[in-house]
Each structure stands twice: as structure tokens, then as C-alpha cells.
Amino acid sequence: YKRTLPKPAAPRLVEAGWQTIQLQFNTTELDGHSDLHYILEVKPQWDLRESNNVFVVFPYTRKYHNTSQTTYVVDDLEPNTGYKFRVIAIKLNESSSYSNWSNIINTK
């Protein structure tokens, strides 16, 4: 891919639930482009959880989500856990660079 598309804004929280986080990542610089797809990357903040010296096996979290919308609900997340998100825009043989990482967003 040629990185010729504008860089998207970092994903922003719309609503957080027990195991879901709804994000928005529309960017005015990308408004003139049609047929865009987005790949949303999820980064669990496992290292910020208390383990009390107990061996903890962390559940599987799908790392990449593909969408053509600028609002997206990430589901199957762990309750009371922090996540970071970033997004890249893709169109035919072009892409943007990745957005900055979001702030840490917690499920409830």
C-alpha cells in the first residue's frame, strides 16, 4: 500500500459497557474519500491489572477489526479492563499511516 491517505484521528469513546466499547474515529481530512475501509487495532492493557503474584492466563482478544464505518462496537472484551485503540484507513492500493493510540478506555 502507498501511504497517501491522511492520518485518521485517534479513536474516541462513544460508550463503554460490560464487555463492549463503542468508538468513533471519523477524520475530517478523510471526508472527501469514498470506499474507505478501516482496520481497528485493539491493545489490552493487561500489565495494568493486579495479579497478586498469581499466575494469570489472559483471555484471547481479537487484535484487528475490519469495518467500513467510522463508528464501531468492539465486543467480547473483558469486564473492568483497560484497552487502547488505533486505526488505519485503507482504500484500494492506498492507506493512511496508523492514528495515534487512544487514551486507555475501560470496560465497566
PDB file of N, CA and C in Angstrom:
ATOM      1  N   TYR A   1       0.826  -1.196   0.000  1.00  0.00           N
ATOM      2  CA  TYR A   1       0.000   0.000   0.000  1.00  0.00           C
ATOM      3  C   TYR A   1       0.866   1.253   0.000  1.00  0.00           C
ATOM      4  N   LYS A   2       0.452   2.240  -0.775  1.00  0.00           N
ATOM      5  CA  LYS A   2       1.101   3.548  -0.705  1.00  0.00           C
ATOM      6  C   LYS A   2       0.410   4.342   0.397  1.00  0.00           C
ATOM      7  N   ARG A   3       1.186   4.929   1.275  1.00  0.00           N
ATOM      8  CA  ARG A   3       0.609   5.681   2.401  1.00  0.00           C
ATOM      9  C   ARG A   3       0.318   7.117   1.973  1.00  0.00           C
ATOM     10  N   THR A   4      -0.741   7.268   1.189  1.00  0.00           N
ATOM     11  CA  THR A   4      -1.070   8.584   0.652  1.00  0.00           C
ATOM     12  C   THR A   4      -2.334   9.184   1.255  1.00  0.00           C
ATOM     13  N   LEU A   5      -3.080   8.413   2.040  1.00  0.00           N
ATOM     14  CA  LEU A   5      -4.295   8.949   2.663  1.00  0.00           C
ATOM     15  C   LEU A   5      -3.944   9.707   3.943  1.00  0.00           C
ATOM     16  N   PRO A   6      -4.747  10.706   4.313  1.00  0.00           N
ATOM     17  CA  PRO A   6      -4.497  11.433   5.568  1.00  0.00           C
ATOM     18  C   PRO A   6      -4.598  10.505   6.778  1.00  0.00           C
ATOM     19  N   LYS A   7      -3.823  10.816   7.789  1.00  0.00           N
ATOM     20  CA  LYS A   7      -3.815  10.034   9.032  1.00  0.00           C
ATOM     21  C   LYS A   7      -5.122  10.253   9.793  1.00  0.00           C
ATOM     22  N   PRO A   8      -5.819   9.173  10.181  1.00  0.00           N
ATOM     23  CA  PRO A   8      -7.061   9.348  10.947  1.00  0.00           C
ATOM     24  C   PRO A   8      -6.788   9.865  12.361  1.00  0.00           C
ATOM     25  N   ALA A   9      -7.816  10.428  12.957  1.00  0.00           N
ATOM     26  CA  ALA A   9      -7.734  10.830  14.363  1.00  0.00           C
ATOM     27  C   ALA A   9      -7.744   9.579  15.234  1.00  0.00           C
ATOM     28  N   ALA A  10      -7.178   9.677  16.418  1.00  0.00           N
ATOM     29  CA  ALA A  10      -7.208   8.548  17.358  1.00  0.00           C
ATOM     30  C   ALA A  10      -8.661   8.228  17.705  1.00  0.00           C
ATOM     31  N   PRO A  11      -9.000   6.943  17.839  1.00  0.00           N
ATOM     32  CA  PRO A  11     -10.375   6.574  18.202  1.00  0.00           C
ATOM     33  C   PRO A  11     -10.798   7.208  19.523  1.00  0.00           C
ATOM     34  N   ARG A  12     -12.071   7.630  19.573  1.00  0.00           N
ATOM     35  CA  ARG A  12     -12.631   8.261  20.770  1.00  0.00           C
ATOM     36  C   ARG A  12     -13.782   7.416  21.298  1.00  0.00           C
ATOM     37  N   LEU A  13     -13.940   7.425  22.599  1.00  0.00           N
ATOM     38  CA  LEU A  13     -15.003   6.668  23.247  1.00  0.00           C
ATOM     39  C   LEU A  13     -16.370   7.283  22.961  1.00  0.00           C
ATOM     40  N   VAL A  14     -17.316   6.436  22.567  1.00  0.00           N
ATOM     41  CA  VAL A  14     -18.716   6.838  22.478  1.00  0.00           C
ATOM     42  C   VAL A  14     -19.442   6.305  23.707  1.00  0.00           C
ATOM     43  N   GLU A  15     -19.274   4.999  23.971  1.00  0.00           N
ATOM     44  CA  GLU A  15     -19.935   4.390  25.123  1.00  0.00           C
ATOM     45  C   GLU A  15     -19.194   3.120  25.519  1.00  0.00           C
ATOM     46  N   ALA A  16     -19.036   2.914  26.817  1.00  0.00           N
ATOM     47  CA  ALA A  16     -18.395   1.703  27.335  1.00  0.00           C
ATOM     48  C   ALA A  16     -19.427   0.865  28.069  1.00  0.00           C
ATOM     49  N   GLY A  17     -19.381  -0.444  27.839  1.00  0.00           N
ATOM     50  CA  GLY A  17     -20.282  -1.369  28.521  1.00  0.00           C
ATOM     51  C   GLY A  17     -19.483  -2.414  29.280  1.00  0.00           C
ATOM     52  N   TRP A  18     -20.170  -3.456  29.705  1.00  0.00           N
ATOM     53  CA  TRP A  18     -19.564  -4.538  30.487  1.00  0.00           C
ATOM     54  C   TRP A  18     -18.458  -5.234  29.690  1.00  0.00           C
ATOM     55  N   GLN A  19     -18.755  -5.615  28.435  1.00  0.00           N
ATOM     56  CA  GLN A  19     -17.765  -6.297  27.594  1.00  0.00           C
ATOM     57  C   GLN A  19     -17.656  -5.656  26.218  1.00  0.00           C
ATOM     58  N   THR A  20     -18.128  -4.421  26.086  1.00  0.00           N
ATOM     59  CA  THR A  20     -18.092  -3.734  24.799  1.00  0.00           C
ATOM     60  C   THR A  20     -17.594  -2.305  24.965  1.00  0.00           C
ATOM     61  N   ILE A  21     -16.991  -1.808  23.909  1.00  0.00           N
ATOM     62  CA  ILE A  21     -16.592  -0.400  23.843  1.00  0.00           C
ATOM     63  C   ILE A  21     -16.970   0.101  22.455  1.00  0.00           C
ATOM     64  N   GLN A  22     -17.758   1.179  22.411  1.00  0.00           N
ATOM     65  CA  GLN A  22     -18.118   1.782  21.133  1.00  0.00           C
ATOM     66  C   GLN A  22     -17.197   2.968  20.890  1.00  0.00           C
ATOM     67  N   LEU A  23     -16.603   2.991  19.697  1.00  0.00           N
ATOM     68  CA  LEU A  23     -15.621   4.011  19.342  1.00  0.00           C
ATOM     69  C   LEU A  23     -16.062   4.785  18.113  1.00  0.00           C
ATOM     70  N   GLN A  24     -15.516   5.995  17.994  1.00  0.00           N
ATOM     71  CA  GLN A  24     -15.715   6.798  16.796  1.00  0.00           C
ATOM     72  C   GLN A  24     -14.345   7.283  16.338  1.00  0.00           C
ATOM     73  N   PHE A  25     -14.114   7.231  15.017  1.00  0.00           N
ATOM     74  CA  PHE A  25     -12.796   7.643  14.526  1.00  0.00           C
ATOM     75  C   PHE A  25     -12.895   8.342  13.180  1.00  0.00           C
ATOM     76  N   ASN A  26     -13.964   9.128  12.992  1.00  0.00           N
ATOM     77  CA  ASN A  26     -14.045   9.874  11.738  1.00  0.00           C
ATOM     78  C   ASN A  26     -13.058  11.035  11.763  1.00  0.00           C
ATOM     79  N   THR A  27     -12.511  11.331  10.616  1.00  0.00           N
ATOM     80  CA  THR A  27     -11.495  12.369  10.479  1.00  0.00           C
ATOM     81  C   THR A  27     -11.889  13.274   9.323  1.00  0.00           C
ATOM     82  N   THR A  28     -11.968  14.568   9.570  1.00  0.00           N
ATOM     83  CA  THR A  28     -12.421  15.491   8.526  1.00  0.00           C
ATOM     84  C   THR A  28     -11.526  15.435   7.290  1.00  0.00           C
ATOM     85  N   GLU A  29     -10.241  15.156   7.465  1.00  0.00           N
ATOM     86  CA  GLU A  29      -9.333  15.080   6.316  1.00  0.00           C
ATOM     87  C   GLU A  29      -9.699  13.935   5.372  1.00  0.00           C
ATOM     88  N   LEU A  30     -10.424  12.936   5.871  1.00  0.00           N
ATOM     89  CA  LEU A  30     -10.804  11.787   5.043  1.00  0.00           C
ATOM     90  C   LEU A  30     -12.210  11.922   4.467  1.00  0.00           C
ATOM     91  N   ASP A  31     -12.906  13.038   4.757  1.00  0.00           N
ATOM     92  CA  ASP A  31     -14.293  13.202   4.315  1.00  0.00           C
ATOM     93  C   ASP A  31     -14.456  13.129   2.802  1.00  0.00           C
ATOM     94  N   GLY A  32     -13.496  13.606   2.037  1.00  0.00           N
ATOM     95  CA  GLY A  32     -13.611  13.619   0.584  1.00  0.00           C
ATOM     96  C   GLY A  32     -13.325  12.281  -0.073  1.00  0.00           C
ATOM     97  N   HIS A  33     -12.906  11.307   0.697  1.00  0.00           N
ATOM     98  CA  HIS A  33     -12.549   9.996   0.142  1.00  0.00           C
ATOM     99  C   HIS A  33     -13.725   9.034   0.264  1.00  0.00           C
ATOM    100  N   SER A  34     -13.969   8.282  -0.813  1.00  0.00           N
ATOM    101  CA  SER A  34     -15.046   7.288  -0.766  1.00  0.00           C
ATOM    102  C   SER A  34     -14.440   5.888  -0.743  1.00  0.00           C
ATOM    103  N   ASP A  35     -15.279   4.892  -0.490  1.00  0.00           N
ATOM    104  CA  ASP A  35     -14.853   3.479  -0.472  1.00  0.00           C
ATOM    105  C   ASP A  35     -13.720   3.218   0.511  1.00  0.00           C
ATOM    106  N   LEU A  36     -13.759   3.874   1.645  1.00  0.00           N
ATOM    107  CA  LEU A  36     -12.724   3.642   2.655  1.00  0.00           C
ATOM    108  C   LEU A  36     -13.092   2.465   3.545  1.00  0.00           C
ATOM    109  N   HIS A  37     -12.090   1.738   3.957  1.00  0.00           N
ATOM    110  CA  HIS A  37     -12.241   0.719   4.991  1.00  0.00           C
ATOM    111  C   HIS A  37     -11.263   1.061   6.097  1.00  0.00           C
ATOM    112  N   TYR A  38     -11.575   0.606   7.276  1.00  0.00           N
ATOM    113  CA  TYR A  38     -10.730   0.891   8.429  1.00  0.00           C
ATOM    114  C   TYR A  38     -10.364  -0.416   9.113  1.00  0.00           C
ATOM    115  N   ILE A  39      -9.139  -0.483   9.584  1.00  0.00           N
ATOM    116  CA  ILE A  39      -8.723  -1.595  10.424  1.00  0.00           C
ATOM    117  C   ILE A  39      -8.426  -1.009  11.794  1.00  0.00           C
ATOM    118  N   LEU A  40      -9.183  -1.474  12.765  1.00  0.00           N
ATOM    119  CA  LEU A  40      -9.061  -1.011  14.140  1.00  0.00           C
ATOM    120  C   LEU A  40      -8.207  -2.008  14.905  1.00  0.00           C
ATOM    121  N   GLU A  41      -7.152  -1.536  15.540  1.00  0.00           N
ATOM    122  CA  GLU A  41      -6.272  -2.404  16.332  1.00  0.00           C
ATOM    123  C   GLU A  41      -6.589  -2.233  17.815  1.00  0.00           C
ATOM    124  N   VAL A  42      -6.701  -3.358  18.510  1.00  0.00           N
ATOM    125  CA  VAL A  42      -7.034  -3.383  19.938  1.00  0.00           C
ATOM    126  C   VAL A  42      -5.806  -3.824  20.718  1.00  0.00           C
ATOM    127  N   LYS A  43      -5.483  -3.093  21.788  1.00  0.00           N
ATOM    128  CA  LYS A  43      -4.328  -3.434  22.621  1.00  0.00           C
ATOM    129  C   LYS A  43      -4.772  -3.486  24.084  1.00  0.00           C
ATOM    130  N   PRO A  44      -5.002  -4.701  24.616  1.00  0.00           N
ATOM    131  CA  PRO A  44      -5.394  -4.805  26.027  1.00  0.00           C
ATOM    132  C   PRO A  44      -4.263  -4.339  26.934  1.00  0.00           C
ATOM    133  N   GLN A  45      -4.623  -3.698  28.017  1.00  0.00           N
ATOM    134  CA  GLN A  45      -3.631  -3.200  28.974  1.00  0.00           C
ATOM    135  C   GLN A  45      -3.519  -4.176  30.141  1.00  0.00           C
ATOM    136  N   TRP A  46      -3.177  -5.441  29.813  1.00  0.00           N
ATOM    137  CA  TRP A  46      -3.105  -6.491  30.835  1.00  0.00           C
ATOM    138  C   TRP A  46      -2.116  -6.141  31.937  1.00  0.00           C
ATOM    139  N   ASP A  47      -1.012  -5.519  31.559  1.00  0.00           N
ATOM    140  CA  ASP A  47       0.042  -5.252  32.539  1.00  0.00           C
ATOM    141  C   ASP A  47      -0.417  -4.300  33.641  1.00  0.00           C
ATOM    142  N   LEU A  48      -1.533  -3.633  33.455  1.00  0.00           N
ATOM    143  CA  LEU A  48      -2.017  -2.693  34.462  1.00  0.00           C
ATOM    144  C   LEU A  48      -2.972  -3.357  35.450  1.00  0.00           C
ATOM    145  N   ARG A  49      -3.172  -4.667  35.308  1.00  0.00           N
ATOM    146  CA  ARG A  49      -4.087  -5.375  36.198  1.00  0.00           C
ATOM    147  C   ARG A  49      -3.341  -5.962  37.381  1.00  0.00           C
ATOM    148  N   GLU A  50      -3.985  -5.986  38.514  1.00  0.00           N
ATOM    149  CA  GLU A  50      -3.403  -6.601  39.706  1.00  0.00           C
ATOM    150  C   GLU A  50      -3.451  -8.113  39.575  1.00  0.00           C
ATOM    151  N   SER A  51      -2.333  -8.783  39.803  1.00  0.00           N
ATOM    152  CA  SER A  51      -2.345 -10.245  39.748  1.00  0.00           C
ATOM    153  C   SER A  51      -2.034 -10.856  41.106  1.00  0.00           C
ATOM    154  N   ASN A  52      -1.577 -10.057  42.057  1.00  0.00           N
ATOM    155  CA  ASN A  52      -1.273 -10.549  43.413  1.00  0.00           C
ATOM    156  C   ASN A  52      -0.395 -11.793  43.393  1.00  0.00           C
ATOM    157  N   ASN A  53       0.616 -11.769  42.544  1.00  0.00           N
ATOM    158  CA  ASN A  53       1.569 -12.876  42.422  1.00  0.00           C
ATOM    159  C   ASN A  53       0.907 -14.201  42.057  1.00  0.00           C
ATOM    160  N   VAL A  54      -0.240 -14.138  41.435  1.00  0.00           N
ATOM    161  CA  VAL A  54      -0.927 -15.345  40.971  1.00  0.00           C
ATOM    162  C   VAL A  54      -0.697 -15.449  39.472  1.00  0.00           C
ATOM    163  N   PHE A  55      -0.494 -16.668  38.984  1.00  0.00           N
ATOM    164  CA  PHE A  55      -0.329 -16.863  37.547  1.00  0.00           C
ATOM    165  C   PHE A  55      -1.675 -16.615  36.873  1.00  0.00           C
ATOM    166  N   VAL A  56      -1.721 -15.646  35.983  1.00  0.00           N
ATOM    167  CA  VAL A  56      -2.978 -15.276  35.341  1.00  0.00           C
ATOM    168  C   VAL A  56      -2.894 -15.604  33.855  1.00  0.00           C
ATOM    169  N   VAL A  57      -3.880 -16.331  33.356  1.00  0.00           N
ATOM    170  CA  VAL A  57      -3.971 -16.587  31.920  1.00  0.00           C
ATOM    171  C   VAL A  57      -4.975 -15.587  31.362  1.00  0.00           C
ATOM    172  N   PHE A  58      -4.515 -14.728  30.469  1.00  0.00           N
ATOM    173  CA  PHE A  58      -5.402 -13.706  29.937  1.00  0.00           C
ATOM    174  C   PHE A  58      -6.189 -14.263  28.764  1.00  0.00           C
ATOM    175  N   PRO A  59      -7.450 -13.908  28.672  1.00  0.00           N
ATOM    176  CA  PRO A  59      -8.296 -14.427  27.596  1.00  0.00           C
ATOM    177  C   PRO A  59      -7.886 -13.867  26.243  1.00  0.00           C
ATOM    178  N   TYR A  60      -8.279 -14.568  25.213  1.00  0.00           N
ATOM    179  CA  TYR A  60      -7.990 -14.139  23.851  1.00  0.00           C
ATOM    180  C   TYR A  60      -8.784 -12.875  23.535  1.00  0.00           C
ATOM    181  N   THR A  61      -8.124 -11.905  22.959  1.00  0.00           N
ATOM    182  CA  THR A  61      -8.788 -10.702  22.468  1.00  0.00           C
ATOM    183  C   THR A  61      -8.435 -10.552  20.998  1.00  0.00           C
ATOM    184  N   ARG A  62      -9.456 -10.450  20.150  1.00  0.00           N
ATOM    185  CA  ARG A  62      -9.201 -10.265  18.723  1.00  0.00           C
ATOM    186  C   ARG A  62      -8.471  -8.941  18.521  1.00  0.00           C
ATOM    187  N   LYS A  63      -7.328  -8.992  17.829  1.00  0.00           N
ATOM    188  CA  LYS A  63      -6.470  -7.815  17.727  1.00  0.00           C
ATOM    189  C   LYS A  63      -6.925  -6.834  16.646  1.00  0.00           C
ATOM    190  N   TYR A  64      -7.456  -7.335  15.532  1.00  0.00           N
ATOM    191  CA  TYR A  64      -7.815  -6.460  14.412  1.00  0.00           C
ATOM    192  C   TYR A  64      -9.292  -6.602  14.061  1.00  0.00           C
ATOM    193  N   HIS A  65      -9.928  -5.475  13.781  1.00  0.00           N
ATOM    194  CA  HIS A  65     -11.339  -5.442  13.393  1.00  0.00           C
ATOM    195  C   HIS A  65     -11.449  -4.615  12.117  1.00  0.00           C
ATOM    196  N   ASN A  66     -12.141  -5.147  11.109  1.00  0.00           N
ATOM    197  CA  ASN A  66     -12.281  -4.500   9.812  1.00  0.00           C
ATOM    198  C   ASN A  66     -13.688  -3.917   9.697  1.00  0.00           C
ATOM    199  N   THR A  67     -13.796  -2.663   9.277  1.00  0.00           N
ATOM    200  CA  THR A  67     -15.108  -2.029   9.140  1.00  0.00           C
ATOM    201  C   THR A  67     -15.064  -0.956   8.058  1.00  0.00           C
ATOM    202  N   SER A  68     -16.218  -0.666   7.493  1.00  0.00           N
ATOM    203  CA  SER A  68     -16.314   0.456   6.552  1.00  0.00           C
ATOM    204  C   SER A  68     -16.987   1.658   7.223  1.00  0.00           C
ATOM    205  N   GLN A  69     -17.344   1.518   8.498  1.00  0.00           N
ATOM    206  CA  GLN A  69     -17.997   2.597   9.252  1.00  0.00           C
ATOM    207  C   GLN A  69     -16.971   3.343  10.110  1.00  0.00           C
ATOM    208  N   THR A  70     -17.303   4.569  10.494  1.00  0.00           N
ATOM    209  CA  THR A  70     -16.405   5.330  11.372  1.00  0.00           C
ATOM    210  C   THR A  70     -16.851   5.272  12.827  1.00  0.00           C
ATOM    211  N   THR A  71     -17.904   4.523  13.098  1.00  0.00           N
ATOM    212  CA  THR A  71     -18.306   4.196  14.466  1.00  0.00           C
ATOM    213  C   THR A  71     -18.330   2.683  14.547  1.00  0.00           C
ATOM    214  N   TYR A  72     -17.744   2.127  15.591  1.00  0.00           N
ATOM    215  CA  TYR A  72     -17.606   0.669  15.658  1.00  0.00           C
ATOM    216  C   TYR A  72     -17.715   0.199  17.101  1.00  0.00           C
ATOM    217  N   VAL A  73     -18.394  -0.928  17.298  1.00  0.00           N
ATOM    218  CA  VAL A  73     -18.508  -1.534  18.623  1.00  0.00           C
ATOM    219  C   VAL A  73     -17.566  -2.732  18.686  1.00  0.00           C
ATOM    220  N   VAL A  74     -16.588  -2.672  19.569  1.00  0.00           N
ATOM    221  CA  VAL A  74     -15.683  -3.797  19.811  1.00  0.00           C
ATOM    222  C   VAL A  74     -16.322  -4.615  20.924  1.00  0.00           C
ATOM    223  N   ASP A  75     -16.558  -5.919  20.653  1.00  0.00           N
ATOM    224  CA  ASP A  75     -17.209  -6.738  21.671  1.00  0.00           C
ATOM    225  C   ASP A  75     -16.303  -7.886  22.100  1.00  0.00           C
ATOM    226  N   ASP A  76     -16.829  -8.756  22.947  1.00  0.00           N
ATOM    227  CA  ASP A  76     -16.061  -9.878  23.517  1.00  0.00           C
ATOM    228  C   ASP A  76     -14.838  -9.397  24.288  1.00  0.00           C
ATOM    229  N   LEU A  77     -14.956  -8.257  24.948  1.00  0.00           N
ATOM    230  CA  LEU A  77     -13.867  -7.747  25.772  1.00  0.00           C
ATOM    231  C   LEU A  77     -14.051  -8.217  27.210  1.00  0.00           C
ATOM    232  N   GLU A  78     -13.025  -8.061  28.000  1.00  0.00           N
ATOM    233  CA  GLU A  78     -13.097  -8.439  29.412  1.00  0.00           C
ATOM    234  C   GLU A  78     -13.666  -7.284  30.233  1.00  0.00           C
ATOM    235  N   PRO A  79     -14.554  -7.577  31.192  1.00  0.00           N
ATOM    236  CA  PRO A  79     -15.079  -6.515  32.052  1.00  0.00           C
ATOM    237  C   PRO A  79     -13.965  -5.884  32.899  1.00  0.00           C
ATOM    238  N   ASN A  80     -14.149  -4.622  33.239  1.00  0.00           N
ATOM    239  CA  ASN A  80     -13.233  -3.918  34.145  1.00  0.00           C
ATOM    240  C   ASN A  80     -11.776  -4.008  33.696  1.00  0.00           C
ATOM    241  N   THR A  81     -11.566  -3.807  32.403  1.00  0.00           N
ATOM    242  CA  THR A  81     -10.227  -3.917  31.815  1.00  0.00           C
ATOM    243  C   THR A  81      -9.981  -2.706  30.927  1.00  0.00           C
ATOM    244  N   GLY A  82      -8.732  -2.236  30.892  1.00  0.00           N
ATOM    245  CA  GLY A  82      -8.364  -1.110  30.046  1.00  0.00           C
ATOM    246  C   GLY A  82      -7.878  -1.567  28.682  1.00  0.00           C
ATOM    247  N   TYR A  83      -8.215  -0.791  27.669  1.00  0.00           N
ATOM    248  CA  TYR A  83      -7.793  -1.083  26.300  1.00  0.00           C
ATOM    249  C   TYR A  83      -7.345   0.208  25.638  1.00  0.00           C
ATOM    250  N   LYS A  84      -6.429   0.077  24.686  1.00  0.00           N
ATOM    251  CA  LYS A  84      -6.060   1.182  23.805  1.00  0.00           C
ATOM    252  C   LYS A  84      -6.433   0.776  22.385  1.00  0.00           C
ATOM    253  N   PHE A  85      -6.699   1.779  21.540  1.00  0.00           N
ATOM    254  CA  PHE A  85      -7.124   1.517  20.173  1.00  0.00           C
ATOM    255  C   PHE A  85      -6.410   2.474  19.226  1.00  0.00           C
ATOM    256  N   ARG A  86      -6.161   1.995  18.011  1.00  0.00           N
ATOM    257  CA  ARG A  86      -5.706   2.876  16.933  1.00  0.00           C
ATOM    258  C   ARG A  86      -6.314   2.354  15.639  1.00  0.00           C
ATOM    259  N   VAL A  87      -6.301   3.194  14.603  1.00  0.00           N
ATOM    260  CA  VAL A  87      -6.998   2.841  13.372  1.00  0.00           C
ATOM    261  C   VAL A  87      -6.159   3.262  12.171  1.00  0.00           C
ATOM    262  N   ILE A  88      -6.320   2.513  11.084  1.00  0.00           N
ATOM    263  CA  ILE A  88      -5.681   2.845   9.812  1.00  0.00           C
ATOM    264  C   ILE A  88      -6.770   2.846   8.744  1.00  0.00           C
ATOM    265  N   ALA A  89      -6.695   3.785   7.808  1.00  0.00           N
ATOM    266  CA  ALA A  89      -7.664   3.855   6.706  1.00  0.00           C
ATOM    267  C   ALA A  89      -7.046   3.207   5.470  1.00  0.00           C
ATOM    268  N   ILE A  90      -7.864   2.441   4.741  1.00  0.00           N
ATOM    269  CA  ILE A  90      -7.386   1.727   3.553  1.00  0.00           C
ATOM    270  C   ILE A  90      -8.373   1.940   2.417  1.00  0.00           C
ATOM    271  N   LYS A  91      -7.828   2.109   1.207  1.00  0.00           N
ATOM    272  CA  LYS A  91      -8.657   2.276   0.009  1.00  0.00           C
ATOM    273  C   LYS A  91      -7.886   1.704  -1.170  1.00  0.00           C
ATOM    274  N   LEU A  92      -8.418   0.690  -1.824  1.00  0.00           N
ATOM    275  CA  LEU A  92      -7.758   0.022  -2.953  1.00  0.00           C
ATOM    276  C   LEU A  92      -6.283  -0.208  -2.648  1.00  0.00           C
ATOM    277  N   ASN A  93      -5.382   0.513  -3.312  1.00  0.00           N
ATOM    278  CA  ASN A  93      -3.948   0.285  -3.052  1.00  0.00           C
ATOM    279  C   ASN A  93      -3.316   1.431  -2.259  1.00  0.00           C
ATOM    280  N   GLU A  94      -4.133   2.185  -1.549  1.00  0.00           N
ATOM    281  CA  GLU A  94      -3.632   3.282  -0.719  1.00  0.00           C
ATOM    282  C   GLU A  94      -3.954   3.011   0.745  1.00  0.00           C
ATOM    283  N   SER A  95      -3.182   3.598   1.625  1.00  0.00           N
ATOM    284  CA  SER A  95      -3.518   3.549   3.050  1.00  0.00           C
ATOM    285  C   SER A  95      -3.040   4.834   3.711  1.00  0.00           C
ATOM    286  N   SER A  96      -3.539   5.053   4.898  1.00  0.00           N
ATOM    287  CA  SER A  96      -3.022   6.133   5.734  1.00  0.00           C
ATOM    288  C   SER A  96      -1.918   5.524   6.584  1.00  0.00           C
ATOM    289  N   SER A  97      -1.299   6.335   7.410  1.00  0.00           N
ATOM    290  CA  SER A  97      -0.484   5.766   8.482  1.00  0.00           C
ATOM    291  C   SER A  97      -1.446   5.499   9.638  1.00  0.00           C
ATOM    292  N   TYR A  98      -0.994   4.733  10.635  1.00  0.00           N
ATOM    293  CA  TYR A  98      -1.855   4.481  11.793  1.00  0.00           C
ATOM    294  C   TYR A  98      -2.112   5.777  12.547  1.00  0.00           C
ATOM    295  N   SER A  99      -3.288   5.879  13.120  1.00  0.00           N
ATOM    296  CA  SER A  99      -3.582   7.001  14.013  1.00  0.00           C
ATOM    297  C   SER A  99      -2.725   6.856  15.260  1.00  0.00           C
ATOM    298  N   ASN A 100      -2.716   7.889  16.080  1.00  0.00           N
ATOM    299  CA  ASN A 100      -2.116   7.744  17.406  1.00  0.00           C
ATOM    300  C   ASN A 100      -2.974   6.771  18.205  1.00  0.00           C
ATOM    301  N   TRP A 101      -2.392   6.193  19.257  1.00  0.00           N
ATOM    302  CA  TRP A 101      -3.170   5.338  20.151  1.00  0.00           C
ATOM    303  C   TRP A 101      -4.163   6.204  20.919  1.00  0.00           C
ATOM    304  N   SER A 102      -5.318   5.654  21.187  1.00  0.00           N
ATOM    305  CA  SER A 102      -6.295   6.341  22.034  1.00  0.00           C
ATOM    306  C   SER A 102      -5.771   6.383  23.463  1.00  0.00           C
ATOM    307  N   ASN A 103      -6.417   7.167  24.294  1.00  0.00           N
ATOM    308  CA  ASN A 103      -6.192   7.051  25.729  1.00  0.00           C
ATOM    309  C   ASN A 103      -6.676   5.671  26.158  1.00  0.00           C
ATOM    310  N   ILE A 104      -6.315   5.244  27.351  1.00  0.00           N
ATOM    311  CA  ILE A 104      -6.822   3.968  27.861  1.00  0.00           C
ATOM    312  C   ILE A 104      -8.320   4.114  28.119  1.00  0.00           C
ATOM    313  N   ILE A 105      -9.088   3.191  27.561  1.00  0.00           N
ATOM    314  CA  ILE A 105     -10.543   3.180  27.716  1.00  0.00           C
ATOM    315  C   ILE A 105     -10.907   1.898  28.449  1.00  0.00           C
ATOM    316  N   ASN A 106     -11.691   2.017  29.508  1.00  0.00           N
ATOM    317  CA  ASN A 106     -12.033   0.860  30.342  1.00  0.00           C
ATOM    318  C   ASN A 106     -13.442   0.359  30.089  1.00  0.00           C
ATOM    319  N   THR A 107     -13.570  -0.979  30.065  1.00  0.00           N
ATOM    320  CA  THR A 107     -14.901  -1.566  30.118  1.00  0.00           C
ATOM    321  C   THR A 107     -15.397  -1.422  31.549  1.00  0.00           C
ATOM    322  N   LYS A 108     -16.697  -1.608  31.747  1.00  0.00           N
ATOM    323  CA  LYS A 108     -17.274  -1.419  33.088  1.00  0.00           C
ATOM    324  C   LYS A 108     -17.209  -2.687  33.908  1.00  0.00           C
TER     325      LYS A 108
END
